[in-house]
Amino acid sequence: MMIKIQPYTPFYTQPIIDLILTIQQQEFGLPITLNAQPDLLKIAEFYQAKKGNFWIAVESDRVIGTIALIDIDNHQGVLRKMFVHPHYRGKALGVGQTLLETLLNWAIEHSIYEIYLGTVEVFKAAHRFYEKNGFVQIPPEELPSTFALMPGDTRFYRHRGEILENC
């Protein structure tokens, strides 16, 4: 089994949409539709702008995971669209960990030293994963003004990169 992490290309648009909607709707029962996520139809323009990017985990041309970073200026970014197919989760394969490390390394290389994210209460395993990886839960009042609140997000995290921690 060969899993590759690579930047988004338009070839993978529909498999990305299918993966994300399946996890949101079928696995977690969230009433989120594609219409509520127009960014998924314009990934390059929305995520691969400025210092942002969108990565996919692929096995045999099958999209098994996604993660994105939005550059919100001021050396800050927002982690979005982190999803891993249920059969590829966990430490054994490390797909989620590799996706997150790819994003964090990119952020440091591109001078993004604070990363924020919003999530929903039902994603309990994701909360543990983020916390294990250095994300700290913060109240919404501590979010930067450039952070776009997503409907449904009730839990927020911040990760500070190496350079800010040493200041």
N, C-alpha and C. Protein backbone atom coordinates (compact mmCIF):
# COMPACT_ATOMS: atom_id res chain seq x y z
N MET A 1 0.85 -1.18 0.00
CA MET A 1 0.00 0.00 0.00
C MET A 1 0.89 1.24 0.00
N MET A 2 0.76 2.04 -1.03
CA MET A 2 1.56 3.26 -1.17
C MET A 2 0.63 4.47 -1.07
N ILE A 3 0.78 5.22 0.03
CA ILE A 3 -0.02 6.43 0.23
C ILE A 3 0.87 7.63 -0.03
N LYS A 4 0.37 8.53 -0.90
CA LYS A 4 1.11 9.74 -1.24
C LYS A 4 0.34 10.96 -0.75
N ILE A 5 1.09 11.93 -0.27
CA ILE A 5 0.50 13.23 0.06
C ILE A 5 0.94 14.18 -1.05
N GLN A 6 -0.02 14.86 -1.67
CA GLN A 6 0.30 15.75 -2.77
C GLN A 6 -0.65 16.94 -2.78
N PRO A 7 -0.20 18.04 -3.37
CA PRO A 7 -1.10 19.19 -3.49
C PRO A 7 -2.28 18.87 -4.40
N TYR A 8 -3.36 19.55 -4.16
CA TYR A 8 -4.57 19.41 -4.96
C TYR A 8 -4.30 19.71 -6.43
N THR A 9 -4.94 18.92 -7.28
CA THR A 9 -5.06 19.22 -8.70
C THR A 9 -6.53 19.00 -9.07
N PRO A 10 -7.03 19.69 -10.10
CA PRO A 10 -8.45 19.59 -10.46
C PRO A 10 -8.93 18.17 -10.75
N PHE A 11 -8.05 17.28 -11.14
CA PHE A 11 -8.41 15.89 -11.41
C PHE A 11 -9.15 15.27 -10.21
N TYR A 12 -8.83 15.73 -9.02
CA TYR A 12 -9.35 15.11 -7.80
C TYR A 12 -10.55 15.84 -7.19
N THR A 13 -11.10 16.83 -7.86
CA THR A 13 -12.19 17.62 -7.28
C THR A 13 -13.36 16.76 -6.83
N GLN A 14 -13.91 15.94 -7.71
CA GLN A 14 -15.09 15.14 -7.34
C GLN A 14 -14.78 14.11 -6.26
N PRO A 15 -13.66 13.39 -6.32
CA PRO A 15 -13.35 12.47 -5.21
C PRO A 15 -13.19 13.18 -3.86
N ILE A 16 -12.67 14.40 -3.86
CA ILE A 16 -12.55 15.18 -2.62
C ILE A 16 -13.94 15.50 -2.09
N ILE A 17 -14.82 15.98 -2.96
CA ILE A 17 -16.20 16.30 -2.56
C ILE A 17 -16.88 15.05 -2.01
N ASP A 18 -16.74 13.93 -2.70
CA ASP A 18 -17.37 12.69 -2.26
C ASP A 18 -16.89 12.27 -0.88
N LEU A 19 -15.58 12.33 -0.65
CA LEU A 19 -15.01 11.94 0.64
C LEU A 19 -15.55 12.83 1.76
N ILE A 20 -15.47 14.13 1.56
CA ILE A 20 -15.87 15.08 2.61
C ILE A 20 -17.36 14.97 2.91
N LEU A 21 -18.20 14.96 1.89
CA LEU A 21 -19.64 14.88 2.12
C LEU A 21 -20.03 13.56 2.79
N THR A 22 -19.40 12.47 2.40
CA THR A 22 -19.71 11.18 3.00
C THR A 22 -19.39 11.19 4.50
N ILE A 23 -18.23 11.73 4.85
CA ILE A 23 -17.86 11.78 6.27
C ILE A 23 -18.80 12.71 7.03
N GLN A 24 -19.06 13.89 6.49
CA GLN A 24 -19.93 14.85 7.17
C GLN A 24 -21.36 14.32 7.35
N GLN A 25 -21.92 13.82 6.26
CA GLN A 25 -23.33 13.46 6.26
C GLN A 25 -23.60 12.05 6.80
N GLN A 26 -22.89 11.07 6.27
CA GLN A 26 -23.20 9.69 6.63
C GLN A 26 -22.57 9.27 7.96
N GLU A 27 -21.32 9.62 8.14
CA GLU A 27 -20.64 9.19 9.37
C GLU A 27 -21.08 10.00 10.58
N PHE A 28 -21.19 11.32 10.42
CA PHE A 28 -21.48 12.17 11.57
C PHE A 28 -22.89 12.76 11.56
N GLY A 29 -23.65 12.51 10.51
CA GLY A 29 -25.03 12.97 10.47
C GLY A 29 -25.19 14.48 10.45
N LEU A 30 -24.19 15.18 9.93
CA LEU A 30 -24.27 16.64 9.86
C LEU A 30 -25.02 17.04 8.59
N PRO A 31 -25.93 17.99 8.70
CA PRO A 31 -26.73 18.40 7.53
C PRO A 31 -25.99 19.41 6.65
N ILE A 32 -24.75 19.08 6.30
CA ILE A 32 -23.94 19.98 5.49
C ILE A 32 -23.97 19.51 4.04
N THR A 33 -24.29 20.41 3.13
CA THR A 33 -24.37 20.06 1.72
C THR A 33 -23.22 20.71 0.95
N LEU A 34 -23.10 20.32 -0.30
CA LEU A 34 -22.10 20.95 -1.17
C LEU A 34 -22.41 22.43 -1.35
N ASN A 35 -23.69 22.79 -1.43
CA ASN A 35 -24.08 24.19 -1.59
C ASN A 35 -23.58 25.05 -0.43
N ALA A 36 -23.45 24.44 0.75
CA ALA A 36 -22.97 25.17 1.92
C ALA A 36 -21.45 25.28 1.94
N GLN A 37 -20.79 24.60 0.98
CA GLN A 37 -19.33 24.58 0.92
C GLN A 37 -18.85 24.89 -0.49
N PRO A 38 -19.16 26.07 -1.01
CA PRO A 38 -18.80 26.39 -2.39
C PRO A 38 -17.29 26.39 -2.63
N ASP A 39 -16.52 26.49 -1.55
CA ASP A 39 -15.06 26.43 -1.66
C ASP A 39 -14.59 25.11 -2.29
N LEU A 40 -15.37 24.05 -2.13
CA LEU A 40 -14.98 22.75 -2.69
C LEU A 40 -15.05 22.73 -4.22
N LEU A 41 -15.76 23.68 -4.79
CA LEU A 41 -15.84 23.76 -6.25
C LEU A 41 -14.80 24.70 -6.84
N LYS A 42 -14.05 25.36 -5.97
CA LYS A 42 -12.99 26.27 -6.43
C LYS A 42 -11.80 26.19 -5.47
N ILE A 43 -11.30 24.99 -5.29
CA ILE A 43 -10.22 24.73 -4.33
C ILE A 43 -8.97 25.54 -4.65
N ALA A 44 -8.56 25.56 -5.90
CA ALA A 44 -7.33 26.29 -6.25
C ALA A 44 -7.45 27.77 -5.89
N GLU A 45 -8.56 28.39 -6.27
CA GLU A 45 -8.74 29.81 -6.00
C GLU A 45 -8.90 30.11 -4.52
N PHE A 46 -9.58 29.23 -3.81
CA PHE A 46 -9.90 29.49 -2.41
C PHE A 46 -8.73 29.13 -1.47
N TYR A 47 -8.12 27.98 -1.70
CA TYR A 47 -7.10 27.48 -0.76
C TYR A 47 -5.67 27.69 -1.23
N GLN A 48 -5.43 27.64 -2.52
CA GLN A 48 -4.05 27.72 -3.02
C GLN A 48 -3.68 29.16 -3.39
N ALA A 49 -4.24 30.10 -2.64
CA ALA A 49 -3.96 31.52 -2.82
C ALA A 49 -2.96 31.97 -1.76
N LYS A 50 -2.24 33.01 -2.08
CA LYS A 50 -1.23 33.56 -1.18
C LYS A 50 -0.34 32.41 -0.69
N LYS A 51 -0.21 32.24 0.62
CA LYS A 51 0.66 31.19 1.15
C LYS A 51 -0.12 29.95 1.56
N GLY A 52 -1.37 29.84 1.13
CA GLY A 52 -2.20 28.70 1.48
C GLY A 52 -1.98 27.53 0.54
N ASN A 53 -2.56 26.39 0.88
CA ASN A 53 -2.49 25.21 0.02
C ASN A 53 -3.55 24.21 0.44
N PHE A 54 -3.74 23.21 -0.39
CA PHE A 54 -4.70 22.13 -0.14
C PHE A 54 -4.00 20.84 -0.54
N TRP A 55 -3.95 19.88 0.39
CA TRP A 55 -3.27 18.61 0.11
C TRP A 55 -4.26 17.46 0.19
N ILE A 56 -3.93 16.42 -0.54
CA ILE A 56 -4.72 15.19 -0.50
C ILE A 56 -3.80 14.02 -0.22
N ALA A 57 -4.36 13.04 0.47
CA ALA A 57 -3.68 11.75 0.64
C ALA A 57 -4.33 10.82 -0.38
N VAL A 58 -3.49 10.18 -1.18
CA VAL A 58 -3.99 9.35 -2.28
C VAL A 58 -3.37 7.96 -2.20
N GLU A 59 -4.21 6.97 -2.38
CA GLU A 59 -3.73 5.60 -2.53
C GLU A 59 -4.33 5.06 -3.83
N SER A 60 -3.47 4.70 -4.76
CA SER A 60 -3.92 4.19 -6.06
C SER A 60 -4.96 5.10 -6.71
N ASP A 61 -4.71 6.39 -6.76
CA ASP A 61 -5.61 7.40 -7.33
C ASP A 61 -6.93 7.56 -6.57
N ARG A 62 -7.04 6.97 -5.40
CA ARG A 62 -8.23 7.12 -4.56
C ARG A 62 -7.91 8.13 -3.47
N VAL A 63 -8.72 9.19 -3.34
CA VAL A 63 -8.52 10.19 -2.30
C VAL A 63 -9.00 9.60 -0.97
N ILE A 64 -8.05 9.53 -0.02
CA ILE A 64 -8.37 8.97 1.29
C ILE A 64 -8.24 10.00 2.42
N GLY A 65 -7.78 11.21 2.08
CA GLY A 65 -7.67 12.23 3.09
C GLY A 65 -7.44 13.60 2.48
N THR A 66 -7.79 14.64 3.25
CA THR A 66 -7.61 16.02 2.80
C THR A 66 -7.21 16.90 3.98
N ILE A 67 -6.54 17.99 3.67
CA ILE A 67 -6.25 19.04 4.65
C ILE A 67 -5.94 20.31 3.87
N ALA A 68 -6.31 21.45 4.44
CA ALA A 68 -6.08 22.72 3.75
C ALA A 68 -5.61 23.77 4.72
N LEU A 69 -4.87 24.74 4.19
CA LEU A 69 -4.39 25.89 4.95
C LEU A 69 -4.77 27.15 4.19
N ILE A 70 -5.49 28.04 4.87
CA ILE A 70 -5.84 29.35 4.30
C ILE A 70 -4.93 30.39 4.94
N ASP A 71 -4.29 31.19 4.11
CA ASP A 71 -3.45 32.29 4.59
C ASP A 71 -4.38 33.46 4.91
N ILE A 72 -4.42 33.88 6.19
CA ILE A 72 -5.27 35.01 6.57
C ILE A 72 -4.44 36.24 6.93
N ASP A 73 -3.20 36.27 6.42
CA ASP A 73 -2.29 37.40 6.61
C ASP A 73 -1.76 37.45 8.05
N ASN A 74 -0.86 38.39 8.29
CA ASN A 74 -0.27 38.62 9.61
C ASN A 74 0.43 37.36 10.16
N HIS A 75 1.02 36.55 9.26
CA HIS A 75 1.70 35.30 9.62
C HIS A 75 0.75 34.31 10.29
N GLN A 76 -0.53 34.36 9.92
CA GLN A 76 -1.54 33.48 10.49
C GLN A 76 -2.25 32.70 9.40
N GLY A 77 -2.68 31.50 9.75
CA GLY A 77 -3.42 30.66 8.82
C GLY A 77 -4.55 29.94 9.52
N VAL A 78 -5.41 29.35 8.70
CA VAL A 78 -6.53 28.58 9.22
C VAL A 78 -6.46 27.19 8.61
N LEU A 79 -6.51 26.18 9.48
CA LEU A 79 -6.58 24.79 9.04
C LEU A 79 -8.04 24.48 8.74
N ARG A 80 -8.28 23.93 7.56
CA ARG A 80 -9.64 23.57 7.16
C ARG A 80 -9.62 22.22 6.45
N LYS A 81 -10.78 21.66 6.35
CA LYS A 81 -11.04 20.47 5.52
C LYS A 81 -10.12 19.29 5.84
N MET A 82 -9.88 19.05 7.13
CA MET A 82 -9.10 17.86 7.49
C MET A 82 -10.07 16.70 7.65
N PHE A 83 -9.98 15.78 6.69
CA PHE A 83 -10.82 14.59 6.69
C PHE A 83 -9.98 13.40 6.26
N VAL A 84 -10.18 12.27 6.94
CA VAL A 84 -9.51 11.03 6.57
C VAL A 84 -10.57 9.93 6.52
N HIS A 85 -10.55 9.17 5.44
CA HIS A 85 -11.47 8.04 5.28
C HIS A 85 -11.36 7.14 6.51
N PRO A 86 -12.50 6.65 7.03
CA PRO A 86 -12.47 5.85 8.26
C PRO A 86 -11.50 4.66 8.23
N HIS A 87 -11.35 4.00 7.10
CA HIS A 87 -10.45 2.84 7.02
C HIS A 87 -8.97 3.20 7.07
N TYR A 88 -8.67 4.49 7.00
CA TYR A 88 -7.27 4.93 6.97
C TYR A 88 -6.89 5.77 8.20
N ARG A 89 -7.75 5.77 9.19
CA ARG A 89 -7.48 6.55 10.40
C ARG A 89 -6.63 5.76 11.38
N GLY A 90 -6.03 6.49 12.29
CA GLY A 90 -5.27 5.85 13.37
C GLY A 90 -3.78 5.89 13.16
N LYS A 91 -3.07 5.50 14.23
CA LYS A 91 -1.61 5.56 14.23
C LYS A 91 -0.97 4.59 13.25
N ALA A 92 -1.59 3.45 13.02
CA ALA A 92 -0.96 2.41 12.20
C ALA A 92 -0.55 2.93 10.83
N LEU A 93 -1.45 3.63 10.16
CA LEU A 93 -1.13 4.16 8.83
C LEU A 93 -0.63 5.59 8.88
N GLY A 94 -1.04 6.34 9.89
CA GLY A 94 -0.53 7.70 10.08
C GLY A 94 -0.93 8.69 9.01
N VAL A 95 -2.05 8.47 8.33
CA VAL A 95 -2.45 9.37 7.25
C VAL A 95 -2.76 10.77 7.79
N GLY A 96 -3.56 10.85 8.83
CA GLY A 96 -3.89 12.15 9.42
C GLY A 96 -2.66 12.87 9.93
N GLN A 97 -1.78 12.11 10.60
CA GLN A 97 -0.55 12.70 11.13
C GLN A 97 0.32 13.25 10.01
N THR A 98 0.44 12.49 8.93
CA THR A 98 1.27 12.93 7.81
C THR A 98 0.67 14.15 7.12
N LEU A 99 -0.65 14.17 6.98
CA LEU A 99 -1.30 15.35 6.41
C LEU A 99 -1.03 16.58 7.28
N LEU A 100 -1.21 16.44 8.60
CA LEU A 100 -0.99 17.58 9.49
C LEU A 100 0.47 18.02 9.47
N GLU A 101 1.39 17.10 9.49
CA GLU A 101 2.82 17.46 9.45
C GLU A 101 3.16 18.17 8.14
N THR A 102 2.55 17.75 7.04
CA THR A 102 2.75 18.42 5.76
C THR A 102 2.31 19.87 5.86
N LEU A 103 1.13 20.10 6.44
CA LEU A 103 0.61 21.46 6.59
C LEU A 103 1.50 22.28 7.52
N LEU A 104 1.89 21.72 8.66
CA LEU A 104 2.70 22.48 9.63
C LEU A 104 4.07 22.82 9.04
N ASN A 105 4.68 21.89 8.33
CA ASN A 105 5.98 22.17 7.70
C ASN A 105 5.85 23.26 6.64
N TRP A 106 4.79 23.19 5.83
CA TRP A 106 4.53 24.22 4.82
C TRP A 106 4.37 25.59 5.50
N ALA A 107 3.61 25.60 6.59
CA ALA A 107 3.35 26.86 7.28
C ALA A 107 4.66 27.50 7.75
N ILE A 108 5.52 26.73 8.38
CA ILE A 108 6.79 27.27 8.86
C ILE A 108 7.63 27.77 7.68
N GLU A 109 7.69 26.95 6.61
CA GLU A 109 8.47 27.34 5.42
C GLU A 109 7.96 28.63 4.80
N HIS A 110 6.67 28.92 4.98
CA HIS A 110 6.06 30.09 4.37
C HIS A 110 5.73 31.18 5.40
N SER A 111 6.40 31.12 6.54
CA SER A 111 6.29 32.16 7.59
C SER A 111 4.89 32.35 8.15
N ILE A 112 4.16 31.25 8.29
CA ILE A 112 2.87 31.27 8.97
C ILE A 112 3.11 30.61 10.32
N TYR A 113 3.03 31.40 11.38
CA TYR A 113 3.45 30.92 12.70
C TYR A 113 2.31 30.66 13.68
N GLU A 114 1.11 31.07 13.32
CA GLU A 114 -0.06 30.74 14.13
C GLU A 114 -1.10 30.13 13.22
N ILE A 115 -1.63 28.99 13.65
CA ILE A 115 -2.67 28.32 12.86
C ILE A 115 -3.89 28.14 13.76
N TYR A 116 -5.02 28.53 13.23
CA TYR A 116 -6.29 28.44 13.96
C TYR A 116 -7.18 27.42 13.25
N LEU A 117 -8.12 26.89 14.01
CA LEU A 117 -9.13 26.03 13.39
C LEU A 117 -10.39 26.06 14.22
N GLY A 118 -11.50 25.82 13.53
CA GLY A 118 -12.79 25.69 14.17
C GLY A 118 -13.32 24.30 13.86
N THR A 119 -14.02 23.73 14.82
CA THR A 119 -14.57 22.39 14.62
C THR A 119 -15.89 22.27 15.37
N VAL A 120 -16.50 21.12 15.25
CA VAL A 120 -17.78 20.88 15.91
C VAL A 120 -17.58 19.89 17.05
N GLU A 121 -18.49 19.93 18.01
CA GLU A 121 -18.37 19.10 19.21
C GLU A 121 -18.36 17.60 18.91
N VAL A 122 -19.02 17.18 17.85
CA VAL A 122 -19.15 15.75 17.57
C VAL A 122 -17.83 15.11 17.13
N PHE A 123 -16.88 15.88 16.70
CA PHE A 123 -15.59 15.34 16.24
C PHE A 123 -14.63 15.12 17.41
N LYS A 124 -15.02 14.27 18.37
CA LYS A 124 -14.23 14.06 19.60
C LYS A 124 -12.83 13.54 19.31
N ALA A 125 -12.70 12.59 18.41
CA ALA A 125 -11.37 12.04 18.09
C ALA A 125 -10.48 13.12 17.49
N ALA A 126 -11.07 14.01 16.70
CA ALA A 126 -10.31 15.11 16.11
C ALA A 126 -9.80 16.04 17.20
N HIS A 127 -10.61 16.31 18.21
CA HIS A 127 -10.17 17.17 19.31
C HIS A 127 -8.93 16.58 19.97
N ARG A 128 -8.97 15.28 20.27
CA ARG A 128 -7.81 14.62 20.89
C ARG A 128 -6.59 14.69 19.98
N PHE A 129 -6.80 14.47 18.70
CA PHE A 129 -5.71 14.51 17.72
C PHE A 129 -5.06 15.89 17.69
N TYR A 130 -5.88 16.94 17.59
CA TYR A 130 -5.33 18.30 17.55
C TYR A 130 -4.57 18.62 18.83
N GLU A 131 -5.14 18.27 19.96
CA GLU A 131 -4.50 18.57 21.25
C GLU A 131 -3.17 17.82 21.38
N LYS A 132 -3.13 16.58 20.93
CA LYS A 132 -1.90 15.79 20.97
C LYS A 132 -0.82 16.44 20.09
N ASN A 133 -1.24 17.17 19.09
CA ASN A 133 -0.31 17.80 18.15
C ASN A 133 -0.06 19.27 18.43
N GLY A 134 -0.28 19.70 19.65
CA GLY A 134 0.10 21.04 20.05
C GLY A 134 -0.93 22.13 19.88
N PHE A 135 -2.14 21.77 19.47
CA PHE A 135 -3.20 22.77 19.38
C PHE A 135 -3.81 22.96 20.76
N VAL A 136 -4.11 24.20 21.10
CA VAL A 136 -4.68 24.54 22.40
C VAL A 136 -6.06 25.13 22.17
N GLN A 137 -7.05 24.63 22.91
CA GLN A 137 -8.39 25.18 22.77
C GLN A 137 -8.41 26.62 23.27
N ILE A 138 -9.09 27.46 22.51
CA ILE A 138 -9.19 28.88 22.86
C ILE A 138 -10.66 29.32 22.76
N PRO A 139 -11.01 30.38 23.50
CA PRO A 139 -12.38 30.92 23.33
C PRO A 139 -12.47 31.69 22.01
N PRO A 140 -13.66 31.79 21.45
CA PRO A 140 -13.82 32.47 20.16
C PRO A 140 -13.32 33.91 20.18
N GLU A 141 -13.31 34.54 21.34
CA GLU A 141 -12.85 35.93 21.44
C GLU A 141 -11.37 36.07 21.08
N GLU A 142 -10.61 34.97 21.15
CA GLU A 142 -9.18 35.03 20.85
C GLU A 142 -8.86 34.76 19.38
N LEU A 143 -9.89 34.52 18.58
CA LEU A 143 -9.67 34.32 17.15
C LEU A 143 -9.31 35.66 16.50
N PRO A 144 -8.42 35.63 15.50
CA PRO A 144 -8.12 36.88 14.79
C PRO A 144 -9.35 37.38 14.03
N SER A 145 -9.39 38.68 13.80
CA SER A 145 -10.54 39.26 13.10
C SER A 145 -10.66 38.73 11.67
N THR A 146 -9.57 38.22 11.11
CA THR A 146 -9.59 37.70 9.74
C THR A 146 -10.03 36.24 9.67
N PHE A 147 -10.32 35.64 10.81
CA PHE A 147 -10.80 34.25 10.86
C PHE A 147 -12.28 34.23 10.48
N ALA A 148 -12.62 33.51 9.44
CA ALA A 148 -14.02 33.42 9.00
C ALA A 148 -14.71 32.30 9.78
N LEU A 149 -15.70 32.69 10.57
CA LEU A 149 -16.46 31.70 11.33
C LEU A 149 -17.32 30.88 10.39
N MET A 150 -17.29 29.56 10.60
CA MET A 150 -18.10 28.66 9.79
C MET A 150 -19.34 28.28 10.59
N PRO A 151 -20.49 28.16 9.92
CA PRO A 151 -21.70 27.76 10.64
C PRO A 151 -21.47 26.40 11.31
N GLY A 152 -21.87 26.30 12.55
CA GLY A 152 -21.75 25.03 13.26
C GLY A 152 -20.51 24.91 14.11
N ASP A 153 -19.44 25.63 13.78
CA ASP A 153 -18.22 25.52 14.57
C ASP A 153 -18.45 26.11 15.96
N THR A 154 -18.12 25.31 16.98
CA THR A 154 -18.32 25.75 18.36
C THR A 154 -17.07 25.58 19.20
N ARG A 155 -16.06 24.96 18.64
CA ARG A 155 -14.82 24.69 19.37
C ARG A 155 -13.66 25.20 18.52
N PHE A 156 -12.75 25.94 19.15
CA PHE A 156 -11.69 26.60 18.40
C PHE A 156 -10.33 26.29 19.02
N TYR A 157 -9.33 26.20 18.14
CA TYR A 157 -7.98 25.86 18.56
C TYR A 157 -6.97 26.79 17.90
N ARG A 158 -5.79 26.90 18.57
CA ARG A 158 -4.68 27.65 18.03
C ARG A 158 -3.41 26.81 18.19
N HIS A 159 -2.57 26.88 17.18
CA HIS A 159 -1.24 26.24 17.23
C HIS A 159 -0.22 27.31 16.92
N ARG A 160 0.78 27.40 17.76
CA ARG A 160 1.84 28.37 17.51
C ARG A 160 3.08 27.64 17.03
N GLY A 161 3.63 28.11 15.92
CA GLY A 161 4.82 27.50 15.34
C GLY A 161 6.07 27.79 16.15
N GLU A 162 7.13 27.11 15.77
CA GLU A 162 8.38 27.17 16.51
C GLU A 162 8.90 28.59 16.68
N ILE A 163 8.82 29.40 15.68
CA ILE A 163 9.44 30.74 15.74
C ILE A 163 8.74 31.60 16.79
N LEU A 164 7.40 31.58 16.84
CA LEU A 164 6.69 32.39 17.83
C LEU A 164 6.94 31.87 19.24
N GLU A 165 7.07 30.56 19.39
CA GLU A 165 7.29 30.00 20.73
C GLU A 165 8.62 30.47 21.30
N ASN A 166 9.57 30.80 20.44
CA ASN A 166 10.90 31.21 20.91
C ASN A 166 11.01 32.72 21.09
N CYS A 167 9.96 33.46 20.80
CA CYS A 167 10.02 34.93 20.93
C CYS A 167 9.79 35.36 22.36
